[in-house]
Amino acid sequence: MRTSASVSSSSSRVSSRARRSVGVLAAAVVVSTLSAGAANATLSSVGPVNPSVGFPSFYGDGTGTKLQLCIRAGDPCLAGTTVAGSPSTPGNITPETFYFVADGDPGPLPGLPGSSVKYRAALEASFGTGTPAAGDQITFARINIVGKGLKPNTTYTFTHPYGTATATTDALGQLKFRDQVGCPAPGPGVGPCDFNTASLGAVGPYLKWDPAVGPVAPAGYLGDAVTAHPVLGSPNNTNFLRVDSGGGTQAQTNNFIVAGKLFTPPVTPSVLGGLFKTPQAVALTTGDPLDKILYTTDGTPVGPTSPVYTGPVTIGNPTTTSTTTLSYAVQDVAGNMGATFSQTYTVDPVAPTISSNLADGTYVGPKSVALTAADDSPGA
């Protein structure tokens, strides 16, 4: 379990490649350098940089869950962090956006009706100057706790999914605790961000909605970004936010607002949907050999119990016309289901027949002949 506490003073040399800061309003900020040997990574993989935005295509945790930026308008992402159309830097991206967010709010503390405690665990993408610019991209993992209206000059301990934090309020009953690991702003003497740095932060593995408690998260996401919901995923089995002070618990919540969009490599069918004369053998491929492809051909939704793809799927019947919808989705090693996609195939192996209203024979004088075509295809 990770434990953080307020510190009255410190001095250290700041690395140009990795920065960690822990601080509270009532104490001086502590800044120290980090190296891969100085901490254990809570995130296990970082995807290649997406050239459109200049940020990693995903961050993966130790369970195998990979998250991409939740950035496209219409997706269940944090308000104010999405864009319409194709995201790009610098023209079509917000100053900050997120791979993962979990927000907790236990409500007012007893005897302090105007008090509040706001908790956020996040993996964020931003820009060193705060304004979108190519080459200025940074990412960081952050635990943030803000308290207002609390008892003045009082020490509080916060137990949260990723550890514990202790901080003391100022004379106004306010505190702000932050544990952040990430890149400093690129600039003179500071090179581009090493995106692996954020994996050394406190955030990970990712929290997600508890599927045993309804409603379930939208397909392809860890939560809906607006609804407080019970979660799973704490490495300490502390899937809650608890506030303690004076030897007793002051408040607790088991519900978090969670945002996170699963990254699943696209599934590529060897044959796109369409009209065919013969049955088609459709192969499905994806970029990560550890992921499973699940599929259906009977119109039922793709889910965890759907057939697992093991080889080309034969679509169509060699003797009768048929229409089949092949639906497919990726399931990662953590069991998360990606979005479902589909292709529709019509296989028509039977040639149409033509008939005449006149029988074979010899006729005297002109005759009107009507020809009729018949096909076994639906709607023909």
Protein backbone atom coordinates (compact mmCIF):
# COMPACT_ATOMS: atom_id res chain seq x y z
CA MET A 1 0.00 0.00 0.00
CA ARG A 2 1.30 3.44 -0.90
CA THR A 3 1.35 5.90 2.01
CA SER A 4 1.89 9.63 1.60
CA ALA A 5 2.18 12.28 4.27
CA SER A 6 2.68 16.01 4.47
CA VAL A 7 6.28 17.15 4.85
CA SER A 8 7.32 20.47 6.31
CA SER A 9 10.37 21.12 4.16
CA SER A 10 12.64 19.53 1.62
CA SER A 11 15.11 20.31 -1.09
CA SER A 12 16.07 18.18 -4.05
CA ARG A 13 17.39 18.28 -7.56
CA VAL A 14 14.66 18.21 -10.23
CA SER A 15 15.20 15.82 -13.12
CA SER A 16 14.61 17.02 -16.66
CA ARG A 17 13.06 13.68 -17.54
CA ALA A 18 10.89 12.69 -14.57
CA ARG A 19 9.32 14.63 -11.79
CA ARG A 20 7.41 13.61 -8.72
CA SER A 21 5.76 16.08 -6.41
CA VAL A 22 3.92 15.53 -3.16
CA GLY A 23 2.48 18.52 -1.39
CA VAL A 24 -0.25 20.04 0.76
CA LEU A 25 -1.42 23.61 1.16
CA ALA A 26 -0.23 23.72 4.75
CA ALA A 27 3.27 22.50 3.90
CA ALA A 28 6.02 23.10 1.41
CA VAL A 29 5.91 21.19 -1.84
CA VAL A 30 8.28 18.25 -2.05
CA VAL A 31 9.84 17.53 -5.42
CA SER A 32 12.14 14.61 -6.10
CA THR A 33 13.56 12.77 -9.06
CA LEU A 34 12.41 9.30 -10.04
CA SER A 35 14.07 6.54 -11.97
CA ALA A 36 12.85 3.17 -13.10
CA GLY A 37 14.87 1.58 -10.29
CA ALA A 38 13.43 3.85 -7.62
CA ALA A 39 9.80 2.85 -7.88
CA ASN A 40 7.62 0.03 -9.09
CA ALA A 41 5.55 0.81 -12.16
CA THR A 42 1.82 0.67 -11.50
CA LEU A 43 1.18 0.67 -15.25
CA SER A 44 2.82 -2.04 -17.28
CA SER A 45 2.76 -0.90 -20.89
CA VAL A 46 2.77 2.25 -23.00
CA GLY A 47 1.59 2.17 -26.60
CA PRO A 48 3.27 3.80 -29.57
CA VAL A 49 2.68 7.50 -30.05
CA ASN A 50 -0.41 8.36 -32.06
CA PRO A 51 0.98 10.82 -34.63
CA SER A 52 -2.31 12.71 -34.90
CA VAL A 53 -2.23 13.92 -31.29
CA GLY A 54 1.35 13.21 -30.21
CA PHE A 55 0.35 11.14 -27.16
CA PRO A 56 0.63 7.39 -26.53
CA SER A 57 -2.07 5.32 -28.19
CA PHE A 58 -2.68 3.60 -24.84
CA TYR A 59 -1.49 2.97 -21.29
CA GLY A 60 -1.91 -0.58 -20.02
CA ASP A 61 -2.10 -1.75 -16.41
CA GLY A 62 -0.93 -5.01 -14.87
CA THR A 63 -4.28 -6.72 -15.43
CA GLY A 64 -4.03 -6.28 -19.20
CA THR A 65 -6.54 -3.41 -19.40
CA LYS A 66 -5.40 -0.79 -21.91
CA LEU A 67 -6.95 2.67 -22.08
CA GLN A 68 -6.80 5.21 -24.89
CA LEU A 69 -7.53 8.91 -24.62
CA CYS A 70 -11.24 9.48 -23.99
CA ILE A 71 -11.44 12.39 -26.36
CA ARG A 72 -14.11 12.01 -29.03
CA ALA A 73 -17.39 13.89 -28.77
CA GLY A 74 -20.30 11.57 -28.08
CA ASP A 75 -18.21 9.15 -26.02
CA PRO A 76 -18.88 8.93 -22.25
CA CYS A 77 -15.89 11.08 -21.28
CA LEU A 78 -15.41 13.99 -18.88
CA ALA A 79 -17.28 17.10 -19.96
CA GLY A 80 -15.09 19.68 -21.65
CA THR A 81 -12.36 17.26 -22.71
CA THR A 82 -13.71 15.99 -26.04
CA VAL A 83 -13.67 17.27 -29.61
CA ALA A 84 -15.83 16.65 -32.66
CA GLY A 85 -14.24 15.00 -35.66
CA SER A 86 -10.72 13.59 -35.70
CA PRO A 87 -8.54 14.76 -32.79
CA SER A 88 -5.24 16.37 -33.75
CA THR A 89 -2.55 18.55 -32.21
CA PRO A 90 -2.64 21.48 -32.15
CA GLY A 91 -5.83 22.25 -34.06
CA ASN A 92 -8.43 19.89 -32.62
CA ILE A 93 -7.66 18.94 -29.04
CA THR A 94 -8.44 20.37 -25.60
CA PRO A 95 -5.64 21.63 -23.31
CA GLU A 96 -6.16 18.62 -21.07
CA THR A 97 -7.70 15.23 -21.66
CA PHE A 98 -7.64 11.91 -19.86
CA TYR A 99 -6.88 8.24 -20.19
CA PHE A 100 -8.43 7.50 -16.80
CA VAL A 101 -10.32 9.36 -14.08
CA ALA A 102 -11.91 8.21 -10.82
CA ASP A 103 -13.63 10.90 -8.73
CA GLY A 104 -14.85 10.32 -5.17
CA ASP A 105 -16.96 12.55 -2.92
CA PRO A 106 -17.96 11.30 0.56
CA GLY A 107 -20.16 14.33 1.26
CA PRO A 108 -20.02 16.75 4.22
CA LEU A 109 -18.28 15.63 7.39
CA PRO A 110 -20.31 15.31 10.63
CA GLY A 111 -20.90 18.67 12.30
CA LEU A 112 -19.49 20.51 9.29
CA PRO A 113 -22.46 20.96 6.93
CA GLY A 114 -20.51 23.21 4.57
CA SER A 115 -17.49 20.94 4.36
CA SER A 116 -16.38 18.93 1.34
CA VAL A 117 -13.70 16.46 0.33
CA LYS A 118 -13.02 15.91 -3.37
CA TYR A 119 -10.82 13.05 -4.52
CA ARG A 120 -9.44 12.41 -7.99
CA ALA A 121 -7.15 9.69 -9.30
CA ALA A 122 -6.22 10.39 -12.91
CA LEU A 123 -3.90 9.59 -15.77
CA GLU A 124 -3.84 12.79 -17.78
CA ALA A 125 -2.51 14.13 -21.06
CA SER A 126 -1.76 17.83 -21.29
CA PHE A 127 0.72 20.39 -22.61
CA GLY A 128 3.64 21.92 -20.75
CA THR A 129 2.55 25.50 -21.39
CA GLY A 130 -1.15 24.74 -21.04
CA THR A 131 -1.76 25.51 -24.71
CA PRO A 132 -1.87 22.74 -27.34
CA ALA A 133 1.39 22.72 -29.29
CA ALA A 134 3.33 20.02 -31.09
CA GLY A 135 6.36 18.90 -29.08
CA ASP A 136 4.90 20.20 -25.81
CA GLN A 137 2.92 17.06 -24.92
CA ILE A 138 3.24 15.69 -21.37
CA THR A 139 1.48 12.95 -19.42
CA PHE A 140 1.28 12.38 -15.68
CA ALA A 141 -0.42 10.27 -13.03
CA ARG A 142 -2.02 12.24 -10.21
CA ILE A 143 -3.76 11.67 -6.88
CA ASN A 144 -5.50 14.88 -5.83
CA ILE A 145 -7.46 15.53 -2.63
CA VAL A 146 -9.04 18.91 -1.89
CA GLY A 147 -10.73 19.67 1.42
CA LYS A 148 -12.76 22.77 2.25
CA GLY A 149 -14.69 23.82 5.33
CA LEU A 150 -12.92 21.28 7.53
CA LYS A 151 -11.73 21.81 11.10
CA PRO A 152 -8.83 24.29 11.13
CA ASN A 153 -5.33 23.05 11.95
CA THR A 154 -6.52 19.44 12.04
CA THR A 155 -4.86 16.34 10.64
CA TYR A 156 -6.90 14.09 8.36
CA THR A 157 -6.03 10.68 6.94
CA PHE A 158 -7.52 9.60 3.63
CA THR A 159 -7.67 5.90 2.73
CA HIS A 160 -8.29 5.53 -0.99
CA PRO A 161 -8.01 2.82 -3.66
CA TYR A 162 -4.31 3.49 -4.26
CA GLY A 163 -3.05 3.99 -0.69
CA THR A 164 -3.34 6.48 2.15
CA ALA A 165 -2.58 10.17 2.44
CA THR A 166 -2.27 12.39 5.52
CA ALA A 167 -2.60 16.16 5.49
CA THR A 168 -3.27 18.98 7.94
CA THR A 169 -5.67 21.82 7.29
CA ASP A 170 -4.68 25.46 7.51
CA ALA A 171 -6.29 28.09 9.71
CA LEU A 172 -9.24 28.30 7.31
CA GLY A 173 -9.94 24.56 7.36
CA GLN A 174 -8.61 23.99 3.86
CA LEU A 175 -6.15 21.47 2.49
CA LYS A 176 -4.93 20.27 -0.85
CA PHE A 177 -2.93 17.07 -1.21
CA ARG A 178 -1.29 16.05 -4.47
CA ASP A 179 0.89 13.11 -5.46
CA GLN A 180 1.93 13.55 -9.08
CA VAL A 181 4.41 11.72 -11.27
CA GLY A 182 5.06 12.80 -14.83
CA CYS A 183 7.10 14.90 -17.18
CA PRO A 184 8.03 18.54 -16.60
CA ALA A 185 7.25 21.02 -19.34
CA PRO A 186 9.64 20.65 -22.30
CA GLY A 187 11.83 23.68 -22.83
CA PRO A 188 15.44 24.88 -22.68
CA GLY A 189 17.46 22.07 -21.15
CA VAL A 190 14.38 19.84 -20.85
CA GLY A 191 13.77 17.37 -23.65
CA PRO A 192 10.49 15.89 -24.90
CA CYS A 193 8.41 13.88 -22.47
CA ASP A 194 9.36 10.28 -21.78
CA PHE A 195 5.82 8.94 -21.70
CA ASN A 196 6.92 5.91 -19.66
CA THR A 197 7.41 8.20 -16.66
CA ALA A 198 3.70 8.38 -15.82
CA SER A 199 3.67 4.61 -15.29
CA LEU A 200 5.69 5.15 -12.10
CA GLY A 201 2.86 7.10 -10.48
CA ALA A 202 0.39 5.92 -7.86
CA VAL A 203 -2.47 5.34 -10.30
CA GLY A 204 -2.97 1.72 -11.33
CA PRO A 205 -4.41 -0.75 -11.92
CA TYR A 206 -7.48 1.01 -13.25
CA LEU A 207 -10.72 1.10 -11.31
CA LYS A 208 -13.87 0.06 -13.15
CA TRP A 209 -17.55 -0.22 -12.34
CA ASP A 210 -18.41 -3.35 -10.37
CA PRO A 211 -20.34 -5.44 -12.93
CA ALA A 212 -22.28 -7.15 -10.11
CA VAL A 213 -24.00 -3.84 -9.33
CA GLY A 214 -26.34 -2.40 -11.94
CA PRO A 215 -26.28 -0.62 -14.23
CA VAL A 216 -23.34 -2.03 -16.15
CA ALA A 217 -20.76 0.24 -17.73
CA PRO A 218 -21.25 1.19 -21.39
CA ALA A 219 -19.62 -1.34 -23.71
CA GLY A 220 -15.99 -0.40 -24.29
CA TYR A 221 -15.71 1.84 -21.21
CA LEU A 222 -14.86 1.49 -17.51
CA GLY A 223 -17.76 3.77 -16.49
CA ASP A 224 -20.05 6.45 -17.89
CA ALA A 225 -18.13 9.52 -16.58
CA VAL A 226 -21.18 10.97 -14.79
CA THR A 227 -22.65 8.37 -12.41
CA ALA A 228 -21.12 7.54 -9.01
CA HIS A 229 -20.96 3.74 -8.83
CA PRO A 230 -19.26 0.97 -6.80
CA VAL A 231 -15.93 -0.07 -8.29
CA LEU A 232 -13.41 -2.88 -8.47
CA GLY A 233 -9.69 -2.77 -9.11
CA SER A 234 -7.94 -1.38 -6.04
CA PRO A 235 -4.56 -3.12 -5.61
CA ASN A 236 -5.12 -2.81 -1.84
CA ASN A 237 -8.73 -4.03 -1.92
CA THR A 238 -9.72 -0.58 -0.68
CA ASN A 239 -12.37 0.23 -3.24
CA PHE A 240 -13.52 3.22 -1.21
CA LEU A 241 -12.57 6.68 0.01
CA ARG A 242 -12.52 7.00 3.81
CA VAL A 243 -11.77 10.14 5.82
CA ASP A 244 -10.41 9.65 9.34
CA SER A 245 -9.53 12.20 12.01
CA GLY A 246 -9.29 12.25 15.79
CA GLY A 247 -9.22 8.48 16.01
CA GLY A 248 -12.49 7.92 14.14
CA THR A 249 -14.00 7.71 10.69
CA GLN A 250 -15.61 10.96 9.60
CA ALA A 251 -16.98 9.95 6.20
CA GLN A 252 -16.75 7.22 3.58
CA THR A 253 -17.99 6.50 0.08
CA ASN A 254 -17.77 3.34 -2.01
CA ASN A 255 -18.94 5.12 -5.16
CA PHE A 256 -16.75 6.75 -7.78
CA ILE A 257 -17.39 8.54 -11.06
CA VAL A 258 -15.17 6.65 -13.51
CA ALA A 259 -14.13 7.54 -17.05
CA GLY A 260 -11.92 5.36 -19.23
CA LYS A 261 -12.13 4.21 -22.83
CA LEU A 262 -10.77 0.76 -23.59
CA PHE A 263 -8.11 0.44 -26.24
CA THR A 264 -8.61 -2.66 -28.30
CA PRO A 265 -6.74 -3.17 -31.56
CA PRO A 266 -9.11 -3.04 -34.51
CA VAL A 267 -10.43 -6.32 -35.89
CA THR A 268 -9.87 -6.62 -39.63
CA PRO A 269 -12.11 -8.96 -41.65
CA SER A 270 -10.45 -10.48 -44.71
CA VAL A 271 -13.67 -9.95 -46.70
CA LEU A 272 -15.91 -6.93 -46.24
CA GLY A 273 -19.67 -7.32 -46.33
CA GLY A 274 -21.51 -7.28 -49.67
CA LEU A 275 -23.24 -9.44 -52.29
CA PHE A 276 -21.56 -12.68 -53.37
CA LYS A 277 -22.27 -15.66 -55.63
CA THR A 278 -20.56 -18.21 -53.39
CA PRO A 279 -20.07 -18.71 -49.65
CA GLN A 280 -17.22 -16.70 -48.16
CA ALA A 281 -14.53 -17.79 -45.70
CA VAL A 282 -13.97 -14.68 -43.56
CA ALA A 283 -10.80 -14.46 -41.49
CA LEU A 284 -10.65 -12.05 -38.54
CA THR A 285 -7.34 -10.62 -37.32
CA THR A 286 -6.32 -8.18 -34.60
CA GLY A 287 -3.07 -6.54 -33.58
CA ASP A 288 -2.53 -8.12 -30.16
CA PRO A 289 -2.11 -11.91 -30.21
CA LEU A 290 -3.05 -12.07 -26.51
CA ASP A 291 -6.52 -10.67 -27.15
CA LYS A 292 -9.47 -12.88 -28.09
CA ILE A 293 -11.91 -12.19 -30.89
CA LEU A 294 -15.49 -13.14 -30.04
CA TYR A 295 -18.17 -13.28 -32.72
CA THR A 296 -21.74 -14.21 -33.60
CA THR A 297 -23.52 -14.96 -36.88
CA ASP A 298 -27.06 -15.49 -35.56
CA GLY A 299 -27.98 -11.90 -34.77
CA THR A 300 -27.33 -12.16 -31.03
CA PRO A 301 -25.14 -9.53 -29.32
CA VAL A 302 -21.47 -10.31 -28.88
CA GLY A 303 -20.63 -10.98 -25.24
CA PRO A 304 -18.21 -12.85 -22.98
CA THR A 305 -19.95 -16.17 -23.71
CA SER A 306 -19.96 -15.77 -27.50
CA PRO A 307 -17.89 -18.16 -29.62
CA VAL A 308 -14.15 -17.53 -29.67
CA TYR A 309 -12.69 -17.04 -33.12
CA THR A 310 -10.20 -19.79 -33.97
CA GLY A 311 -10.21 -19.76 -37.77
CA PRO A 312 -12.05 -18.47 -40.86
CA VAL A 313 -15.82 -18.33 -40.50
CA THR A 314 -17.81 -19.70 -43.44
CA ILE A 315 -20.62 -17.35 -44.39
CA GLY A 316 -23.50 -18.42 -46.64
CA ASN A 317 -25.10 -21.57 -48.07
CA PRO A 318 -23.99 -23.10 -51.39
CA THR A 319 -27.55 -24.00 -52.48
CA THR A 320 -29.87 -21.24 -51.21
CA THR A 321 -29.69 -17.50 -50.91
CA SER A 322 -28.95 -16.21 -47.41
CA THR A 323 -28.08 -13.00 -45.60
CA THR A 324 -25.79 -13.19 -42.57
CA THR A 325 -24.53 -10.50 -40.21
CA LEU A 326 -21.12 -11.28 -38.77
CA SER A 327 -20.63 -9.34 -35.52
CA TYR A 328 -17.30 -9.31 -33.69
CA ALA A 329 -15.50 -7.70 -30.77
CA VAL A 330 -12.17 -7.98 -28.98
CA GLN A 331 -11.86 -9.22 -25.40
CA ASP A 332 -8.57 -8.30 -23.71
CA VAL A 333 -6.69 -10.48 -21.24
CA ALA A 334 -8.40 -8.69 -18.34
CA GLY A 335 -11.80 -9.78 -19.68
CA ASN A 336 -12.84 -6.31 -20.89
CA MET A 337 -15.00 -6.26 -24.00
CA GLY A 338 -14.32 -3.77 -26.76
CA ALA A 339 -16.94 -2.23 -29.00
CA THR A 340 -18.83 -4.50 -31.40
CA PHE A 341 -18.54 -4.10 -35.17
CA SER A 342 -20.32 -6.00 -37.92
CA GLN A 343 -20.39 -6.86 -41.61
CA THR A 344 -23.43 -8.10 -43.53
CA TYR A 345 -23.04 -10.66 -46.31
CA THR A 346 -25.65 -11.77 -48.84
CA VAL A 347 -24.71 -14.98 -50.67
CA ASP A 348 -26.85 -15.74 -53.73
CA PRO A 349 -25.66 -18.94 -55.46
CA VAL A 350 -28.90 -19.54 -57.38
CA ALA A 351 -29.31 -18.00 -60.85
CA PRO A 352 -32.73 -16.44 -61.53
CA THR A 353 -35.18 -18.34 -63.75
CA ILE A 354 -37.09 -16.82 -66.66
CA SER A 355 -40.52 -17.96 -67.83
CA SER A 356 -42.77 -16.98 -70.76
CA ASN A 357 -46.53 -16.69 -70.90
CA LEU A 358 -46.45 -18.50 -74.27
CA ALA A 359 -45.53 -22.11 -74.58
CA ASP A 360 -43.15 -23.37 -77.23
CA GLY A 361 -44.83 -23.74 -80.62
CA THR A 362 -45.68 -22.28 -84.04
CA TYR A 363 -48.04 -19.31 -84.17
CA VAL A 364 -49.83 -17.46 -86.98
CA GLY A 365 -49.54 -13.71 -86.67
CA PRO A 366 -47.84 -11.54 -84.08
CA LYS A 367 -48.08 -12.51 -80.42
CA SER A 368 -47.36 -10.57 -77.26
CA VAL A 369 -44.87 -12.37 -75.08
CA ALA A 370 -44.42 -11.56 -71.38
CA LEU A 371 -41.24 -12.70 -69.74
CA THR A 372 -41.00 -13.12 -65.98
CA ALA A 373 -37.81 -13.49 -63.95
CA ALA A 374 -37.86 -15.28 -60.62
CA ASP A 375 -35.17 -15.20 -57.97
CA ASP A 376 -35.03 -16.81 -54.55
CA SER A 377 -33.34 -13.74 -53.05
CA PRO A 378 -35.50 -11.95 -50.47
CA GLY A 379 -37.15 -8.92 -52.03
CA ALA A 380 -36.32 -9.99 -55.58
